[in-house]
């Protein structure tokens, strides 16, 4: 995620917010952020949310992740808000909302993710 310029904006127990700039490096042919960038950021936010409920020293892996792309990712920045839906004994169900933020600070949902995480 460092190659995308992603950063962690906030962490709380079972929640994480990450963001990254929308640059030509993550763009697609129509000038929007590529869906892969939205997926990577959302998956990472959901993973950090899950990690926040795991034992100290644990790492996290994605078991599966579904994405719905609901609008073009147009703007200056992508923000992913990840949260834990349910933490089980071994598997953790997560979701993330990815938003595009424009130059005026307006936010628009661009992707919804839901998946499952497991400690590594």
C-alpha atoms as a PDB file:
ATOM      1  CA  UNK A   1       0.000   0.000   0.000  1.00  0.00           C
ATOM      2  CA  UNK A   2       2.992   2.299   0.443  1.00  0.00           C
ATOM      3  CA  UNK A   3       3.422   2.371  -3.344  1.00  0.00           C
ATOM      4  CA  UNK A   4      -0.092   3.882  -3.573  1.00  0.00           C
ATOM      5  CA  UNK A   5       0.684   6.522  -0.947  1.00  0.00           C
ATOM      6  CA  UNK A   6      -1.885   4.978   1.403  1.00  0.00           C
ATOM      7  CA  UNK A   7      -1.988   5.976   5.044  1.00  0.00           C
ATOM      8  CA  UNK A   8      -3.825   4.953   8.196  1.00  0.00           C
ATOM      9  CA  UNK A   9      -6.068   7.832   9.267  1.00  0.00           C
ATOM     10  CA  UNK A  10      -7.582   6.233  12.366  1.00  0.00           C
ATOM     11  CA  UNK A  11      -7.711   2.946  14.237  1.00  0.00           C
ATOM     12  CA  UNK A  12     -10.148   1.841  16.923  1.00  0.00           C
ATOM     13  CA  UNK A  13     -11.199  -1.548  18.237  1.00  0.00           C
ATOM     14  CA  UNK A  14     -12.892  -3.242  15.260  1.00  0.00           C
ATOM     15  CA  UNK A  15     -12.679  -0.151  13.026  1.00  0.00           C
ATOM     16  CA  UNK A  16     -10.076   1.372  10.693  1.00  0.00           C
ATOM     17  CA  UNK A  17      -9.983   4.288   8.264  1.00  0.00           C
ATOM     18  CA  UNK A  18      -7.347   4.390   5.505  1.00  0.00           C
ATOM     19  CA  UNK A  19      -6.905   6.810   2.626  1.00  0.00           C
ATOM     20  CA  UNK A  20      -4.808   7.366  -0.465  1.00  0.00           C
ATOM     21  CA  UNK A  21      -4.511  10.000  -3.180  1.00  0.00           C
ATOM     22  CA  UNK A  22      -6.091   9.401  -6.566  1.00  0.00           C
ATOM     23  CA  UNK A  23      -3.131   9.797  -8.929  1.00  0.00           C
ATOM     24  CA  UNK A  24      -2.274   8.758 -12.463  1.00  0.00           C
ATOM     25  CA  UNK A  25      -0.509   5.726 -10.975  1.00  0.00           C
ATOM     26  CA  UNK A  26      -3.882   4.285  -9.868  1.00  0.00           C
ATOM     27  CA  UNK A  27      -5.952   5.720 -12.701  1.00  0.00           C
ATOM     28  CA  UNK A  28      -7.771   3.978 -15.503  1.00  0.00           C
ATOM     29  CA  UNK A  29      -8.563   5.064 -19.065  1.00  0.00           C
ATOM     30  CA  UNK A  30     -11.537   7.294 -18.123  1.00  0.00           C
ATOM     31  CA  UNK A  31      -9.643   9.271 -15.481  1.00  0.00           C
ATOM     32  CA  UNK A  32     -11.152   7.554 -12.436  1.00  0.00           C
ATOM     33  CA  UNK A  33      -9.271   5.549  -9.822  1.00  0.00           C
ATOM     34  CA  UNK A  34      -9.066   1.935 -10.959  1.00  0.00           C
ATOM     35  CA  UNK A  35     -11.394  -0.526  -9.225  1.00  0.00           C
ATOM     36  CA  UNK A  36      -8.290  -2.405  -8.087  1.00  0.00           C
ATOM     37  CA  UNK A  37      -7.242   0.623  -6.022  1.00  0.00           C
ATOM     38  CA  UNK A  38     -10.676   0.769  -4.384  1.00  0.00           C
ATOM     39  CA  UNK A  39     -10.487  -2.962  -3.675  1.00  0.00           C
ATOM     40  CA  UNK A  40      -6.962  -2.821  -2.245  1.00  0.00           C
ATOM     41  CA  UNK A  41      -7.775   0.102   0.056  1.00  0.00           C
ATOM     42  CA  UNK A  42     -11.091  -1.402   1.213  1.00  0.00           C
ATOM     43  CA  UNK A  43      -9.532  -4.816   1.807  1.00  0.00           C
ATOM     44  CA  UNK A  44      -6.741  -3.236   3.848  1.00  0.00           C
ATOM     45  CA  UNK A  45      -9.155  -1.147   5.947  1.00  0.00           C
ATOM     46  CA  UNK A  46     -11.282  -4.219   6.650  1.00  0.00           C
ATOM     47  CA  UNK A  47      -8.147  -6.205   7.504  1.00  0.00           C
ATOM     48  CA  UNK A  48      -6.917  -3.611   9.996  1.00  0.00           C
ATOM     49  CA  UNK A  49     -10.388  -3.518  11.569  1.00  0.00           C
ATOM     50  CA  UNK A  50     -10.241  -7.308  12.025  1.00  0.00           C
ATOM     51  CA  UNK A  51      -6.674  -7.190  13.296  1.00  0.00           C
ATOM     52  CA  UNK A  52      -7.778  -4.794  16.027  1.00  0.00           C
ATOM     53  CA  UNK A  53      -9.831  -7.601  17.586  1.00  0.00           C
ATOM     54  CA  UNK A  54      -7.198 -10.337  17.269  1.00  0.00           C
ATOM     55  CA  UNK A  55      -4.618 -11.374  19.828  1.00  0.00           C
ATOM     56  CA  UNK A  56      -1.441  -9.330  20.195  1.00  0.00           C
ATOM     57  CA  UNK A  57       1.178 -10.394  17.680  1.00  0.00           C
ATOM     58  CA  UNK A  58      -1.384 -11.836  15.241  1.00  0.00           C
ATOM     59  CA  UNK A  59      -1.352 -11.088  11.549  1.00  0.00           C
ATOM     60  CA  UNK A  60      -4.402 -11.151   9.311  1.00  0.00           C
ATOM     61  CA  UNK A  61      -5.226 -12.737   5.947  1.00  0.00           C
ATOM     62  CA  UNK A  62      -8.252 -12.288   3.708  1.00  0.00           C
ATOM     63  CA  UNK A  63     -10.175 -15.535   3.169  1.00  0.00           C
ATOM     64  CA  UNK A  64     -12.639 -14.018   0.698  1.00  0.00           C
ATOM     65  CA  UNK A  65     -13.855 -10.542  -0.265  1.00  0.00           C
ATOM     66  CA  UNK A  66     -16.758  -9.346  -2.409  1.00  0.00           C
ATOM     67  CA  UNK A  67     -16.969  -5.876  -3.904  1.00  0.00           C
ATOM     68  CA  UNK A  68     -19.836  -3.868  -5.335  1.00  0.00           C
ATOM     69  CA  UNK A  69     -18.694  -0.886  -7.385  1.00  0.00           C
ATOM     70  CA  UNK A  70     -21.491   1.661  -6.970  1.00  0.00           C
ATOM     71  CA  UNK A  71     -20.047   4.785  -8.637  1.00  0.00           C
ATOM     72  CA  UNK A  72     -16.935   5.921 -10.530  1.00  0.00           C
ATOM     73  CA  UNK A  73     -14.051   6.761  -8.175  1.00  0.00           C
ATOM     74  CA  UNK A  74     -13.638  10.385  -9.258  1.00  0.00           C
ATOM     75  CA  UNK A  75     -11.931  12.906  -7.015  1.00  0.00           C
ATOM     76  CA  UNK A  76      -8.713  13.712  -5.235  1.00  0.00           C
ATOM     77  CA  UNK A  77      -8.613  10.982  -2.586  1.00  0.00           C
ATOM     78  CA  UNK A  78     -10.044   7.579  -1.722  1.00  0.00           C
ATOM     79  CA  UNK A  79     -11.088   6.869   1.862  1.00  0.00           C
ATOM     80  CA  UNK A  80     -11.909   3.363   3.109  1.00  0.00           C
ATOM     81  CA  UNK A  81     -13.820   2.852   6.334  1.00  0.00           C
ATOM     82  CA  UNK A  82     -13.487  -0.742   7.561  1.00  0.00           C
ATOM     83  CA  UNK A  83     -15.397  -2.396  10.380  1.00  0.00           C
ATOM     84  CA  UNK A  84     -15.932  -5.780  11.961  1.00  0.00           C
ATOM     85  CA  UNK A  85     -19.437  -7.172  11.554  1.00  0.00           C
ATOM     86  CA  UNK A  86     -18.842 -10.280  13.654  1.00  0.00           C
ATOM     87  CA  UNK A  87     -15.718 -11.732  15.219  1.00  0.00           C
ATOM     88  CA  UNK A  88     -15.938 -15.500  15.699  1.00  0.00           C
ATOM     89  CA  UNK A  89     -13.482 -17.916  17.270  1.00  0.00           C
ATOM     90  CA  UNK A  90     -11.464 -18.218  14.057  1.00  0.00           C
ATOM     91  CA  UNK A  91     -13.160 -16.222  11.277  1.00  0.00           C
ATOM     92  CA  UNK A  92     -14.033 -12.539  11.330  1.00  0.00           C
ATOM     93  CA  UNK A  93     -16.685 -11.086   9.018  1.00  0.00           C
ATOM     94  CA  UNK A  94     -15.860  -7.557   7.892  1.00  0.00           C
ATOM     95  CA  UNK A  95     -17.157  -4.815   5.638  1.00  0.00           C
ATOM     96  CA  UNK A  96     -15.738  -1.638   4.188  1.00  0.00           C
ATOM     97  CA  UNK A  97     -17.101   1.402   2.425  1.00  0.00           C
ATOM     98  CA  UNK A  98     -14.790   3.178  -0.024  1.00  0.00           C
ATOM     99  CA  UNK A  99     -15.521   6.824  -0.724  1.00  0.00           C
ATOM    100  CA  UNK A 100     -14.070   9.298  -3.214  1.00  0.00           C
ATOM    101  CA  UNK A 101     -13.421  12.792  -1.889  1.00  0.00           C
ATOM    102  CA  UNK A 102     -13.395  15.689  -4.362  1.00  0.00           C
ATOM    103  CA  UNK A 103     -11.447  18.976  -4.193  1.00  0.00           C
ATOM    104  CA  UNK A 104     -14.268  20.629  -2.198  1.00  0.00           C
ATOM    105  CA  UNK A 105     -14.302  17.816   0.371  1.00  0.00           C
ATOM    106  CA  UNK A 106     -17.544  16.243  -0.842  1.00  0.00           C
ATOM    107  CA  UNK A 107     -17.641  12.483  -0.257  1.00  0.00           C
ATOM    108  CA  UNK A 108     -19.327   9.906  -2.470  1.00  0.00           C
ATOM    109  CA  UNK A 109     -19.607   6.150  -1.908  1.00  0.00           C
ATOM    110  CA  UNK A 110     -17.819   4.308  -4.720  1.00  0.00           C
ATOM    111  CA  UNK A 111     -17.488   0.731  -3.438  1.00  0.00           C
ATOM    112  CA  UNK A 112     -18.921  -1.583  -0.802  1.00  0.00           C
ATOM    113  CA  UNK A 113     -16.955  -4.638   0.312  1.00  0.00           C
ATOM    114  CA  UNK A 114     -17.821  -7.580   2.514  1.00  0.00           C
ATOM    115  CA  UNK A 115     -15.545 -10.439   3.386  1.00  0.00           C
ATOM    116  CA  UNK A 116     -13.953 -12.798   5.841  1.00  0.00           C
ATOM    117  CA  UNK A 117     -10.600 -12.526   7.622  1.00  0.00           C
ATOM    118  CA  UNK A 118      -8.555 -15.122   9.484  1.00  0.00           C
ATOM    119  CA  UNK A 119      -5.520 -14.790  11.764  1.00  0.00           C
ATOM    120  CA  UNK A 120      -2.275 -15.761  10.046  1.00  0.00           C
END
